[in-house]
N, C-alpha and C. Protein backbone atom coordinates (compact mmCIF):
# COMPACT_ATOMS: atom_id res chain seq x y z
N UNK A 1 -0.33 -17.60 53.77
CA UNK A 1 -0.32 -16.18 53.33
C UNK A 1 0.61 -15.94 52.10
N UNK A 2 1.84 -16.57 52.23
CA UNK A 2 2.79 -16.53 51.22
C UNK A 2 2.24 -17.29 49.91
N UNK A 3 1.54 -18.27 50.16
CA UNK A 3 0.96 -19.04 49.05
C UNK A 3 -0.03 -18.25 48.36
N UNK A 4 -1.00 -17.57 49.15
CA UNK A 4 -2.02 -16.69 48.40
C UNK A 4 -1.37 -15.55 47.76
N UNK A 5 -0.28 -15.04 48.26
CA UNK A 5 0.43 -13.84 47.67
C UNK A 5 1.07 -14.35 46.33
N UNK A 6 1.70 -15.54 46.36
CA UNK A 6 2.35 -16.07 45.09
C UNK A 6 1.28 -16.33 44.01
N UNK A 7 0.18 -16.77 44.43
CA UNK A 7 -0.99 -17.15 43.44
C UNK A 7 -1.50 -15.80 42.91
N UNK A 8 -1.60 -14.77 43.77
CA UNK A 8 -2.12 -13.49 43.23
C UNK A 8 -1.12 -12.89 42.24
N UNK A 9 0.24 -13.12 42.53
CA UNK A 9 1.15 -12.49 41.63
C UNK A 9 1.19 -13.25 40.28
N UNK A 10 1.03 -14.60 40.45
CA UNK A 10 0.93 -15.36 39.13
C UNK A 10 -0.28 -15.05 38.29
N UNK A 11 -1.45 -14.89 39.02
CA UNK A 11 -2.64 -14.53 38.22
C UNK A 11 -2.53 -13.14 37.56
N UNK A 12 -1.81 -12.17 38.29
CA UNK A 12 -1.64 -10.87 37.71
C UNK A 12 -0.73 -10.93 36.47
N UNK A 13 0.28 -11.73 36.63
CA UNK A 13 1.26 -11.89 35.49
C UNK A 13 0.54 -12.49 34.32
N UNK A 14 -0.34 -13.52 34.51
CA UNK A 14 -1.07 -14.18 33.51
C UNK A 14 -1.93 -13.20 32.74
N UNK A 15 -2.71 -12.26 33.55
CA UNK A 15 -3.56 -11.25 33.02
C UNK A 15 -2.79 -10.32 32.16
N UNK A 16 -1.62 -9.85 32.62
CA UNK A 16 -0.80 -8.91 31.84
C UNK A 16 -0.35 -9.59 30.51
N UNK A 17 0.00 -10.81 30.63
CA UNK A 17 0.52 -11.48 29.33
C UNK A 17 -0.63 -11.71 28.35
N UNK A 18 -1.85 -12.07 28.93
CA UNK A 18 -3.05 -12.29 28.10
C UNK A 18 -3.34 -10.97 27.45
N UNK A 19 -3.37 -9.86 28.17
CA UNK A 19 -3.62 -8.55 27.56
C UNK A 19 -2.70 -8.08 26.54
N UNK A 20 -1.41 -8.42 26.74
CA UNK A 20 -0.35 -8.09 25.69
C UNK A 20 -0.61 -8.93 24.44
N UNK A 21 -0.81 -10.12 24.70
CA UNK A 21 -1.03 -11.00 23.56
C UNK A 21 -2.23 -10.67 22.75
N UNK A 22 -3.28 -10.15 23.36
CA UNK A 22 -4.45 -9.66 22.71
C UNK A 22 -4.14 -8.49 21.87
N UNK A 23 -3.31 -7.57 22.39
CA UNK A 23 -3.06 -6.43 21.64
C UNK A 23 -2.12 -6.65 20.38
N UNK A 24 -1.10 -7.57 20.68
CA UNK A 24 -0.20 -7.81 19.53
C UNK A 24 -0.85 -8.57 18.45
N UNK A 25 -1.86 -9.40 18.74
CA UNK A 25 -2.57 -10.27 17.84
C UNK A 25 -3.67 -9.65 17.13
N UNK A 26 -3.95 -8.36 17.34
CA UNK A 26 -5.07 -7.69 16.76
C UNK A 26 -4.80 -7.18 15.42
N UNK A 27 -5.22 -7.82 14.39
CA UNK A 27 -4.94 -7.44 13.03
C UNK A 27 -5.86 -6.29 12.52
N UNK A 28 -5.29 -5.23 11.92
CA UNK A 28 -6.09 -4.20 11.36
C UNK A 28 -5.94 -4.25 9.84
N UNK A 29 -7.07 -3.82 9.19
CA UNK A 29 -7.15 -3.92 7.72
C UNK A 29 -7.32 -2.57 7.18
N UNK A 30 -6.74 -2.33 5.98
CA UNK A 30 -6.83 -1.10 5.33
C UNK A 30 -7.17 -1.18 3.87
N UNK A 31 -7.61 -0.08 3.29
CA UNK A 31 -7.76 0.04 1.83
C UNK A 31 -7.27 1.38 1.37
N UNK A 32 -6.90 1.42 0.12
CA UNK A 32 -6.59 2.77 -0.51
C UNK A 32 -7.82 3.52 -0.73
N UNK A 33 -7.75 4.75 -0.84
CA UNK A 33 -8.95 5.58 -0.90
C UNK A 33 -8.67 6.74 -1.89
N UNK A 34 -9.20 6.58 -3.17
CA UNK A 34 -9.04 7.60 -4.17
C UNK A 34 -10.35 8.38 -4.39
N UNK A 35 -10.34 9.67 -4.78
CA UNK A 35 -11.55 10.34 -5.10
C UNK A 35 -12.26 9.69 -6.33
N UNK A 36 -13.52 9.73 -6.27
CA UNK A 36 -14.33 9.15 -7.42
C UNK A 36 -14.15 10.03 -8.62
N UNK A 37 -14.06 9.39 -9.75
CA UNK A 37 -13.82 10.19 -11.03
C UNK A 37 -15.18 10.91 -11.36
N UNK A 38 -15.11 11.97 -12.20
CA UNK A 38 -16.30 12.74 -12.50
C UNK A 38 -17.20 11.83 -13.39
N UNK A 39 -18.50 12.25 -13.51
CA UNK A 39 -19.39 11.56 -14.37
C UNK A 39 -18.87 11.72 -15.81
N UNK A 40 -18.94 10.58 -16.60
CA UNK A 40 -18.47 10.60 -17.96
C UNK A 40 -19.33 11.46 -18.79
N UNK A 41 -18.72 12.12 -19.85
CA UNK A 41 -19.46 12.92 -20.77
C UNK A 41 -20.18 11.88 -21.76
N UNK A 42 -21.12 12.38 -22.51
CA UNK A 42 -21.80 11.58 -23.56
C UNK A 42 -20.76 11.04 -24.50
N UNK A 43 -20.76 9.79 -24.76
CA UNK A 43 -19.71 9.17 -25.72
C UNK A 43 -20.32 9.00 -27.06
N UNK A 44 -20.78 10.18 -27.57
CA UNK A 44 -21.49 10.02 -28.90
C UNK A 44 -20.51 9.82 -30.03
N UNK A 45 -19.23 10.30 -29.96
CA UNK A 45 -18.26 10.04 -30.85
C UNK A 45 -17.32 8.92 -30.60
N UNK A 46 -17.57 8.18 -29.52
CA UNK A 46 -16.68 7.04 -29.22
C UNK A 46 -17.23 5.81 -29.77
N UNK A 47 -16.25 5.14 -30.59
CA UNK A 47 -16.70 3.87 -31.28
C UNK A 47 -15.76 2.66 -30.95
N UNK A 48 -14.85 2.86 -29.99
CA UNK A 48 -14.10 1.72 -29.63
C UNK A 48 -14.34 1.32 -28.23
N UNK A 49 -14.12 -0.02 -27.94
CA UNK A 49 -14.34 -0.54 -26.60
C UNK A 49 -12.98 -1.09 -26.07
N UNK A 50 -12.86 -1.05 -24.77
CA UNK A 50 -11.60 -1.51 -24.23
C UNK A 50 -11.90 -2.43 -22.95
N UNK A 51 -11.10 -3.48 -22.77
CA UNK A 51 -11.31 -4.34 -21.60
C UNK A 51 -9.91 -4.17 -20.80
N UNK A 52 -10.06 -4.30 -19.47
CA UNK A 52 -8.81 -4.12 -18.63
C UNK A 52 -8.64 -5.45 -17.89
N UNK A 53 -7.46 -6.00 -18.11
CA UNK A 53 -7.15 -7.30 -17.43
C UNK A 53 -6.59 -6.90 -16.08
N UNK A 54 -6.88 -7.74 -15.03
CA UNK A 54 -6.46 -7.37 -13.70
C UNK A 54 -4.95 -7.29 -13.68
N UNK A 55 -4.57 -6.10 -13.05
CA UNK A 55 -3.16 -5.78 -12.99
C UNK A 55 -2.38 -6.92 -12.25
N UNK A 56 -1.19 -7.14 -12.59
CA UNK A 56 -0.25 -8.01 -11.91
C UNK A 56 0.65 -7.28 -10.98
N UNK A 57 1.50 -8.03 -10.08
CA UNK A 57 2.41 -7.40 -9.21
C UNK A 57 3.36 -8.41 -8.78
N UNK A 58 4.59 -7.89 -8.29
CA UNK A 58 5.54 -8.87 -7.74
C UNK A 58 4.87 -9.72 -6.64
N UNK A 59 5.34 -10.96 -6.50
CA UNK A 59 4.78 -11.87 -5.45
C UNK A 59 4.71 -11.24 -4.03
N UNK A 60 5.74 -10.48 -3.64
CA UNK A 60 5.66 -9.93 -2.30
C UNK A 60 4.59 -8.90 -2.06
N UNK A 61 4.07 -8.32 -3.08
CA UNK A 61 3.00 -7.41 -3.00
C UNK A 61 1.64 -8.09 -2.88
N UNK A 62 1.60 -9.23 -3.26
CA UNK A 62 0.37 -10.14 -3.27
C UNK A 62 0.12 -10.93 -2.01
N UNK A 63 0.94 -10.72 -0.95
CA UNK A 63 0.81 -11.53 0.22
C UNK A 63 -0.22 -10.92 1.26
N UNK A 64 -0.72 -9.73 0.95
CA UNK A 64 -1.68 -9.14 1.80
C UNK A 64 -1.25 -8.21 2.94
N UNK A 65 -0.01 -8.34 3.31
CA UNK A 65 0.56 -7.48 4.33
C UNK A 65 1.10 -6.16 3.68
N UNK A 66 0.95 -5.03 4.51
CA UNK A 66 1.50 -3.75 4.06
C UNK A 66 3.07 -3.91 4.05
N UNK A 67 3.68 -3.49 3.00
CA UNK A 67 5.13 -3.69 2.85
C UNK A 67 5.99 -2.47 3.26
N UNK A 68 7.09 -2.68 3.91
CA UNK A 68 8.10 -1.55 4.20
C UNK A 68 9.46 -2.04 3.81
N UNK A 69 10.34 -1.16 3.47
CA UNK A 69 11.63 -1.49 3.04
C UNK A 69 12.66 -0.70 3.90
N UNK A 70 13.32 -1.45 4.86
CA UNK A 70 14.33 -0.68 5.75
C UNK A 70 15.62 -0.43 4.94
N UNK A 71 15.86 -1.12 3.80
CA UNK A 71 17.02 -0.80 2.95
C UNK A 71 16.63 -1.25 1.55
N UNK A 72 17.43 -0.75 0.57
CA UNK A 72 17.09 -1.15 -0.82
C UNK A 72 17.06 -2.59 -1.05
N UNK A 73 17.78 -3.36 -0.28
CA UNK A 73 17.92 -4.87 -0.52
C UNK A 73 16.95 -5.62 0.30
N UNK A 74 16.24 -5.02 1.37
CA UNK A 74 15.47 -5.74 2.35
C UNK A 74 13.96 -5.42 2.20
N UNK A 75 13.22 -6.31 2.33
CA UNK A 75 11.65 -6.22 2.30
C UNK A 75 11.13 -6.76 3.63
N UNK A 76 10.27 -5.87 4.24
CA UNK A 76 9.60 -6.31 5.50
C UNK A 76 8.06 -6.26 5.34
N UNK A 77 7.39 -6.92 6.26
CA UNK A 77 5.97 -6.95 6.20
C UNK A 77 5.44 -6.58 7.63
N UNK A 78 4.32 -5.69 7.60
CA UNK A 78 3.76 -5.50 8.85
C UNK A 78 2.69 -6.65 9.17
N UNK A 79 3.05 -7.52 10.11
CA UNK A 79 2.31 -8.66 10.40
C UNK A 79 0.80 -8.46 10.72
N UNK A 80 0.60 -7.35 11.37
CA UNK A 80 -0.80 -7.10 11.81
C UNK A 80 -1.41 -5.89 11.14
N UNK A 81 -0.89 -5.55 10.06
CA UNK A 81 -1.53 -4.48 9.20
C UNK A 81 -1.59 -4.97 7.81
N UNK A 82 -2.82 -5.21 7.36
CA UNK A 82 -2.96 -5.89 6.08
C UNK A 82 -3.97 -5.13 5.21
N UNK A 83 -3.92 -5.47 3.85
CA UNK A 83 -4.86 -4.96 2.88
C UNK A 83 -6.22 -5.70 3.01
N UNK A 84 -7.34 -4.98 3.13
CA UNK A 84 -8.60 -5.55 3.08
C UNK A 84 -8.91 -5.94 1.61
N UNK A 85 -8.39 -5.11 0.67
CA UNK A 85 -8.72 -5.35 -0.73
C UNK A 85 -7.39 -5.62 -1.51
N UNK A 86 -7.26 -6.60 -2.37
CA UNK A 86 -6.09 -6.77 -3.18
C UNK A 86 -5.68 -5.49 -3.88
N UNK A 87 -4.54 -4.91 -3.62
CA UNK A 87 -4.18 -3.73 -4.27
C UNK A 87 -4.26 -3.82 -5.83
N UNK A 88 -3.98 -4.93 -6.39
CA UNK A 88 -4.01 -5.10 -7.81
C UNK A 88 -5.42 -4.99 -8.34
N UNK A 89 -6.35 -5.55 -7.57
CA UNK A 89 -7.81 -5.39 -7.97
C UNK A 89 -8.15 -3.97 -7.82
N UNK A 90 -7.76 -3.22 -6.76
CA UNK A 90 -8.05 -1.88 -6.55
C UNK A 90 -7.61 -1.04 -7.68
N UNK A 91 -6.34 -1.21 -8.11
CA UNK A 91 -5.78 -0.44 -9.27
C UNK A 91 -6.53 -0.69 -10.47
N UNK A 92 -6.87 -1.92 -10.62
CA UNK A 92 -7.66 -2.37 -11.97
C UNK A 92 -8.95 -1.57 -11.97
N UNK A 93 -9.72 -1.67 -10.88
CA UNK A 93 -11.04 -1.01 -10.82
C UNK A 93 -10.88 0.48 -10.98
N UNK A 94 -9.81 1.07 -10.47
CA UNK A 94 -9.53 2.55 -10.50
C UNK A 94 -9.33 2.98 -12.01
N UNK A 95 -8.59 2.13 -12.73
CA UNK A 95 -8.20 2.33 -14.13
C UNK A 95 -9.46 2.30 -14.91
N UNK A 96 -10.33 1.22 -14.73
CA UNK A 96 -11.49 1.09 -15.39
C UNK A 96 -12.48 2.38 -15.19
N UNK A 97 -12.63 2.85 -13.95
CA UNK A 97 -13.48 3.97 -13.59
C UNK A 97 -12.92 5.20 -14.29
N UNK A 98 -11.69 5.39 -14.26
CA UNK A 98 -11.10 6.63 -14.82
C UNK A 98 -11.07 6.67 -16.34
N UNK A 99 -10.81 5.50 -17.03
CA UNK A 99 -10.98 5.52 -18.40
C UNK A 99 -12.52 5.65 -18.86
N UNK A 100 -13.33 5.01 -18.07
CA UNK A 100 -14.80 5.20 -18.38
C UNK A 100 -15.23 6.61 -18.25
N UNK A 101 -14.60 7.37 -17.35
CA UNK A 101 -15.07 8.78 -17.08
C UNK A 101 -14.52 9.72 -18.15
N UNK A 102 -13.60 9.29 -18.94
CA UNK A 102 -13.09 10.19 -20.01
C UNK A 102 -14.08 10.42 -21.21
N UNK A 103 -14.86 9.42 -21.50
CA UNK A 103 -15.85 9.43 -22.63
C UNK A 103 -15.13 9.13 -23.90
N UNK A 104 -13.79 8.66 -23.82
CA UNK A 104 -12.97 8.29 -25.02
C UNK A 104 -13.52 6.95 -25.59
N UNK A 105 -13.98 6.09 -24.77
CA UNK A 105 -14.33 4.73 -25.28
C UNK A 105 -15.83 4.57 -25.08
N UNK A 106 -16.46 3.81 -25.99
CA UNK A 106 -17.88 3.44 -25.98
C UNK A 106 -18.12 2.57 -24.73
N UNK A 107 -17.20 1.66 -24.46
CA UNK A 107 -17.46 0.69 -23.31
C UNK A 107 -16.17 0.35 -22.69
N UNK A 108 -16.10 0.35 -21.37
CA UNK A 108 -14.90 0.02 -20.58
C UNK A 108 -15.37 -1.01 -19.60
N UNK A 109 -14.58 -2.26 -19.57
CA UNK A 109 -15.06 -3.31 -18.63
C UNK A 109 -13.78 -4.07 -18.33
N UNK A 110 -14.02 -5.06 -17.27
CA UNK A 110 -13.05 -6.06 -16.86
C UNK A 110 -12.89 -7.00 -17.99
N UNK A 111 -11.66 -7.40 -18.28
CA UNK A 111 -11.38 -8.50 -19.26
C UNK A 111 -11.86 -9.81 -18.66
N UNK A 112 -12.68 -10.56 -19.44
CA UNK A 112 -13.19 -11.86 -19.00
C UNK A 112 -12.71 -12.99 -19.92
N UNK A 113 -11.82 -12.65 -20.94
CA UNK A 113 -11.34 -13.66 -21.80
C UNK A 113 -12.09 -13.72 -23.07
N UNK A 114 -13.20 -12.98 -23.15
CA UNK A 114 -14.01 -13.00 -24.33
C UNK A 114 -13.53 -11.97 -25.43
N UNK A 115 -13.53 -12.25 -26.70
CA UNK A 115 -13.07 -11.30 -27.64
C UNK A 115 -14.13 -10.24 -28.05
N UNK A 116 -14.75 -9.65 -27.01
CA UNK A 116 -15.82 -8.70 -27.37
C UNK A 116 -15.46 -7.26 -27.07
N UNK A 117 -14.18 -6.96 -27.16
CA UNK A 117 -13.67 -5.58 -27.00
C UNK A 117 -12.61 -5.42 -28.14
N UNK A 118 -12.37 -4.21 -28.57
CA UNK A 118 -11.52 -3.86 -29.56
C UNK A 118 -10.00 -3.63 -29.08
N UNK A 119 -9.89 -3.28 -27.77
CA UNK A 119 -8.53 -3.14 -27.23
C UNK A 119 -8.44 -3.80 -25.81
N UNK A 120 -7.33 -4.18 -25.42
CA UNK A 120 -7.00 -4.71 -24.22
C UNK A 120 -5.88 -3.98 -23.47
N UNK A 121 -6.19 -3.60 -22.22
CA UNK A 121 -5.20 -2.93 -21.43
C UNK A 121 -4.64 -3.90 -20.35
N UNK A 122 -3.32 -4.15 -20.33
CA UNK A 122 -2.73 -5.03 -19.27
C UNK A 122 -1.74 -4.05 -18.54
N UNK A 123 -1.51 -4.40 -17.26
CA UNK A 123 -0.67 -3.59 -16.45
C UNK A 123 -0.01 -4.26 -15.27
N UNK A 124 0.78 -3.60 -14.59
CA UNK A 124 1.54 -4.22 -13.51
C UNK A 124 1.65 -3.11 -12.36
N UNK A 125 1.39 -3.43 -11.20
CA UNK A 125 1.63 -2.58 -10.02
C UNK A 125 3.02 -2.97 -9.57
N UNK A 126 3.97 -2.16 -9.85
CA UNK A 126 5.36 -2.48 -9.70
C UNK A 126 5.80 -2.25 -8.20
N UNK A 127 5.31 -1.14 -7.59
CA UNK A 127 5.74 -0.89 -6.22
C UNK A 127 4.52 -0.26 -5.48
N UNK A 128 4.41 -0.65 -4.25
CA UNK A 128 3.45 -0.03 -3.32
C UNK A 128 4.00 -0.29 -1.93
N UNK A 129 4.89 0.55 -1.43
CA UNK A 129 5.57 0.36 -0.26
C UNK A 129 6.08 1.50 0.60
N UNK A 130 6.24 1.27 1.86
CA UNK A 130 6.81 2.31 2.70
C UNK A 130 8.37 2.21 2.59
N UNK A 131 9.06 3.38 2.46
CA UNK A 131 10.50 3.42 2.30
C UNK A 131 11.05 4.17 3.54
N UNK A 132 11.92 3.37 4.26
CA UNK A 132 12.47 3.75 5.54
C UNK A 132 13.89 3.99 5.55
N UNK A 133 14.57 4.28 4.46
CA UNK A 133 16.00 4.49 4.45
C UNK A 133 16.29 5.85 3.79
N UNK A 134 17.47 6.37 3.84
CA UNK A 134 17.95 7.62 3.20
C UNK A 134 17.29 8.78 3.96
N UNK A 135 16.88 8.63 5.15
CA UNK A 135 16.40 9.76 5.91
C UNK A 135 14.79 9.96 5.77
N UNK A 136 14.14 10.01 6.85
CA UNK A 136 12.66 10.20 6.78
C UNK A 136 11.95 8.94 6.37
N UNK A 137 10.67 9.13 6.24
CA UNK A 137 9.82 8.04 5.87
C UNK A 137 9.03 8.41 4.66
N UNK A 138 8.96 7.61 3.50
CA UNK A 138 8.34 7.90 2.36
C UNK A 138 7.52 6.75 1.88
N UNK A 139 6.68 6.95 0.91
CA UNK A 139 6.02 5.83 0.22
C UNK A 139 6.27 5.93 -1.27
N UNK A 140 6.39 4.81 -1.92
CA UNK A 140 6.62 4.81 -3.43
C UNK A 140 5.52 3.92 -4.09
N UNK A 141 5.05 4.48 -5.12
CA UNK A 141 4.07 3.78 -6.01
C UNK A 141 4.57 3.76 -7.47
N UNK A 142 4.61 2.66 -8.07
CA UNK A 142 4.98 2.56 -9.43
C UNK A 142 4.03 1.66 -10.23
N UNK A 143 3.55 2.21 -11.32
CA UNK A 143 2.58 1.38 -12.15
C UNK A 143 2.99 1.50 -13.59
N UNK A 144 2.69 0.41 -14.36
CA UNK A 144 3.05 0.44 -15.75
C UNK A 144 1.80 -0.20 -16.47
N UNK A 145 1.54 0.14 -17.76
CA UNK A 145 0.41 -0.41 -18.54
C UNK A 145 0.69 -0.30 -20.00
N UNK A 146 0.02 -1.07 -20.77
CA UNK A 146 -0.01 -1.03 -22.16
C UNK A 146 -1.31 -1.36 -22.80
N UNK A 147 -1.63 -0.83 -24.01
CA UNK A 147 -2.86 -1.12 -24.70
C UNK A 147 -2.55 -1.87 -25.97
N UNK A 148 -3.25 -2.99 -26.14
CA UNK A 148 -3.04 -3.84 -27.38
C UNK A 148 -4.31 -3.94 -28.19
N UNK A 149 -4.22 -3.80 -29.51
CA UNK A 149 -5.31 -4.12 -30.38
C UNK A 149 -5.55 -5.65 -30.45
N UNK A 150 -6.84 -6.00 -29.97
CA UNK A 150 -7.01 -7.48 -29.78
C UNK A 150 -6.87 -8.26 -30.96
N UNK A 151 -7.42 -7.88 -32.11
CA UNK A 151 -7.36 -8.71 -33.27
C UNK A 151 -5.99 -8.79 -33.97
N UNK A 152 -5.12 -7.97 -33.77
CA UNK A 152 -3.77 -8.04 -34.42
C UNK A 152 -2.62 -8.27 -33.43
N UNK A 153 -2.89 -8.02 -32.10
CA UNK A 153 -1.77 -8.09 -31.04
C UNK A 153 -0.86 -6.94 -31.12
N UNK A 154 -1.19 -5.88 -31.83
CA UNK A 154 -0.28 -4.73 -31.94
C UNK A 154 -0.41 -3.85 -30.69
N UNK A 155 0.68 -3.48 -30.11
CA UNK A 155 0.73 -2.59 -28.99
C UNK A 155 0.62 -1.14 -29.51
N UNK A 156 -0.41 -0.38 -29.08
CA UNK A 156 -0.74 0.90 -29.65
C UNK A 156 -0.40 2.00 -28.49
N UNK A 157 -0.09 1.65 -27.31
CA UNK A 157 0.20 2.59 -26.22
C UNK A 157 0.88 1.88 -25.05
N UNK A 158 1.89 2.37 -24.51
CA UNK A 158 2.49 1.85 -23.27
C UNK A 158 3.14 3.00 -22.47
N UNK A 159 3.11 2.78 -21.11
CA UNK A 159 3.63 3.90 -20.29
C UNK A 159 4.01 3.31 -18.92
N UNK A 160 4.93 3.83 -18.23
CA UNK A 160 5.34 3.49 -16.90
C UNK A 160 5.60 4.70 -16.09
N UNK A 161 5.07 4.81 -14.88
CA UNK A 161 5.29 5.92 -14.07
C UNK A 161 5.63 5.53 -12.53
N UNK A 162 6.31 6.56 -11.88
CA UNK A 162 6.60 6.22 -10.50
C UNK A 162 6.33 7.60 -9.67
N UNK A 163 5.76 7.50 -8.50
CA UNK A 163 5.64 8.59 -7.66
C UNK A 163 6.01 8.38 -6.22
N UNK A 164 6.56 9.34 -5.55
CA UNK A 164 7.06 9.21 -4.17
C UNK A 164 6.26 10.28 -3.40
N UNK A 165 5.81 9.92 -2.17
CA UNK A 165 5.16 10.79 -1.31
C UNK A 165 5.95 10.87 0.13
N UNK A 166 5.93 11.94 0.74
CA UNK A 166 6.59 12.12 2.06
C UNK A 166 5.57 11.87 3.14
N UNK A 167 5.94 11.01 4.18
CA UNK A 167 5.04 10.74 5.27
C UNK A 167 5.48 11.67 6.45
N UNK A 168 4.51 12.43 6.94
CA UNK A 168 4.82 13.40 7.94
C UNK A 168 4.83 12.75 9.41
N UNK A 169 4.09 11.75 9.53
CA UNK A 169 3.92 11.10 10.85
C UNK A 169 4.05 9.62 10.62
N UNK A 170 4.96 8.94 11.28
CA UNK A 170 5.23 7.53 11.09
C UNK A 170 4.27 6.65 11.84
N UNK A 171 3.05 6.45 11.33
CA UNK A 171 2.09 5.46 11.84
C UNK A 171 1.39 4.87 10.64
N UNK A 172 0.79 3.74 10.80
CA UNK A 172 0.27 3.02 9.66
C UNK A 172 -0.87 3.74 9.00
N UNK A 173 -1.83 4.33 9.75
CA UNK A 173 -2.94 5.05 9.08
C UNK A 173 -2.43 6.23 8.20
N UNK A 174 -1.41 6.94 8.72
CA UNK A 174 -0.83 8.10 7.91
C UNK A 174 -0.09 7.53 6.70
N UNK A 175 0.63 6.48 6.87
CA UNK A 175 1.30 5.82 5.72
C UNK A 175 0.34 5.35 4.62
N UNK A 176 -0.74 4.73 5.05
CA UNK A 176 -1.75 4.28 4.04
C UNK A 176 -2.35 5.52 3.37
N UNK A 177 -2.64 6.57 4.17
CA UNK A 177 -3.26 7.74 3.61
C UNK A 177 -2.36 8.42 2.54
N UNK A 178 -1.06 8.37 2.75
CA UNK A 178 -0.11 8.96 1.83
C UNK A 178 0.02 7.97 0.59
N UNK A 179 -0.20 6.68 0.83
CA UNK A 179 -0.16 5.75 -0.25
C UNK A 179 -1.30 6.06 -1.20
N UNK A 180 -2.50 6.43 -0.66
CA UNK A 180 -3.69 6.75 -1.46
C UNK A 180 -3.38 8.02 -2.31
N UNK A 181 -2.77 9.02 -1.58
CA UNK A 181 -2.47 10.29 -2.33
C UNK A 181 -1.51 9.98 -3.49
N UNK A 182 -0.37 9.16 -3.22
CA UNK A 182 0.54 8.86 -4.15
C UNK A 182 0.02 8.09 -5.29
N UNK A 183 -0.83 7.07 -4.95
CA UNK A 183 -1.45 6.28 -5.98
C UNK A 183 -2.30 7.14 -6.95
N UNK A 184 -3.06 8.14 -6.33
CA UNK A 184 -3.88 8.93 -7.18
C UNK A 184 -3.05 9.71 -8.13
N UNK A 185 -1.90 10.21 -7.70
CA UNK A 185 -1.03 10.96 -8.70
C UNK A 185 -0.44 10.09 -9.72
N UNK A 186 -0.07 8.83 -9.40
CA UNK A 186 0.52 7.91 -10.25
C UNK A 186 -0.52 7.47 -11.36
N UNK A 187 -1.77 7.20 -11.05
CA UNK A 187 -2.69 6.84 -11.97
C UNK A 187 -3.03 8.02 -12.88
N UNK A 188 -3.13 9.22 -12.26
CA UNK A 188 -3.37 10.39 -13.10
C UNK A 188 -2.27 10.59 -14.10
N UNK A 189 -1.04 10.41 -13.71
CA UNK A 189 0.11 10.55 -14.65
C UNK A 189 0.11 9.50 -15.73
N UNK A 190 -0.25 8.23 -15.27
CA UNK A 190 -0.26 7.15 -16.18
C UNK A 190 -1.29 7.36 -17.36
N UNK A 191 -2.45 7.94 -16.96
CA UNK A 191 -3.50 8.14 -17.98
C UNK A 191 -3.49 9.49 -18.60
N UNK A 192 -2.48 10.28 -18.40
CA UNK A 192 -2.40 11.65 -19.08
C UNK A 192 -1.19 11.70 -19.99
N UNK A 193 -1.46 11.98 -21.30
CA UNK A 193 -2.85 12.03 -21.78
C UNK A 193 -3.50 10.67 -21.86
N UNK A 194 -4.87 10.74 -22.04
CA UNK A 194 -5.66 9.62 -22.17
C UNK A 194 -5.27 8.70 -23.24
N UNK A 195 -5.04 7.43 -23.12
CA UNK A 195 -4.65 6.55 -24.27
C UNK A 195 -5.81 6.64 -25.34
N UNK A 196 -5.40 6.93 -26.49
CA UNK A 196 -6.42 7.12 -27.59
C UNK A 196 -6.14 6.04 -28.66
N UNK A 197 -7.29 5.28 -28.86
CA UNK A 197 -7.17 4.21 -29.95
C UNK A 197 -7.94 4.67 -31.09
N UNK A 198 -7.55 4.27 -32.30
CA UNK A 198 -8.22 4.60 -33.46
C UNK A 198 -9.56 3.80 -33.66
N UNK A 199 -10.56 4.49 -34.09
CA UNK A 199 -11.81 3.69 -34.35
C UNK A 199 -11.68 2.40 -35.27
N UNK A 200 -12.35 1.43 -34.83
CA UNK A 200 -12.27 0.15 -35.60
C UNK A 200 -13.59 -0.37 -35.80
N UNK A 201 -13.86 -0.95 -37.02
CA UNK A 201 -15.09 -1.56 -37.33
C UNK A 201 -15.09 -3.05 -37.04
N UNK A 202 -15.27 -3.32 -35.73
CA UNK A 202 -15.14 -4.70 -35.34
C UNK A 202 -16.48 -5.37 -35.27
N UNK A 203 -16.49 -6.71 -35.28
CA UNK A 203 -17.73 -7.44 -35.18
C UNK A 203 -18.39 -7.23 -33.87
N UNK A 204 -17.54 -7.17 -32.84
CA UNK A 204 -18.03 -6.93 -31.47
C UNK A 204 -18.77 -5.59 -31.39
N UNK A 205 -18.16 -4.54 -31.96
CA UNK A 205 -18.85 -3.27 -31.82
C UNK A 205 -20.12 -3.29 -32.67
N UNK A 206 -20.13 -3.96 -33.86
CA UNK A 206 -21.34 -4.00 -34.61
C UNK A 206 -22.43 -4.80 -33.79
N UNK A 207 -22.14 -5.77 -33.16
CA UNK A 207 -23.12 -6.54 -32.46
C UNK A 207 -23.70 -5.78 -31.25
N UNK A 208 -23.08 -4.79 -30.80
CA UNK A 208 -23.58 -4.02 -29.62
C UNK A 208 -24.59 -2.92 -30.06
N UNK A 209 -24.57 -2.57 -31.43
CA UNK A 209 -25.35 -1.51 -31.88
C UNK A 209 -26.73 -2.05 -32.20
């Protein structure tokens, strides 16, 4: 009887441990969510093209895990809460979509190393993290970018912005939602006013006509 009781207790303990391990090891994936930009106006007066190189980021933002900072000097990672899409790629795609929607440029595309654009935009995602110090929970997003004339290497525009958002409820879905809102404001600020490049008579532009 005692043997059967001990075995039952052991099996129950194993079941509890297995259940806990399953819950702890369940990885959840997230993505930022920004409103789609409006349809672009007719670009009848646009004569310049621009390519966007994929944005860079500090190494700790490239590891896939959502980042939190318990202090200014310490960086932590949510082991089971990760990005489904590389945030750098997401920011790059968002910049392309929003520049394309302005109608300022005749063509906006990903930079593929080919000299078939008049201008090149490069940038860096400086911060995308949860802030857990100085009271409350916040998120911070910082982005910088610059535009270079490809044939001369001249920088014609550069800007850096930072935005902070307050998190009302400290759980990961709420944190990610606020990261999306804060990212939207940061990108809007970065591209306001829209970078304007002077028209150029490039071979690439001529070949497209």
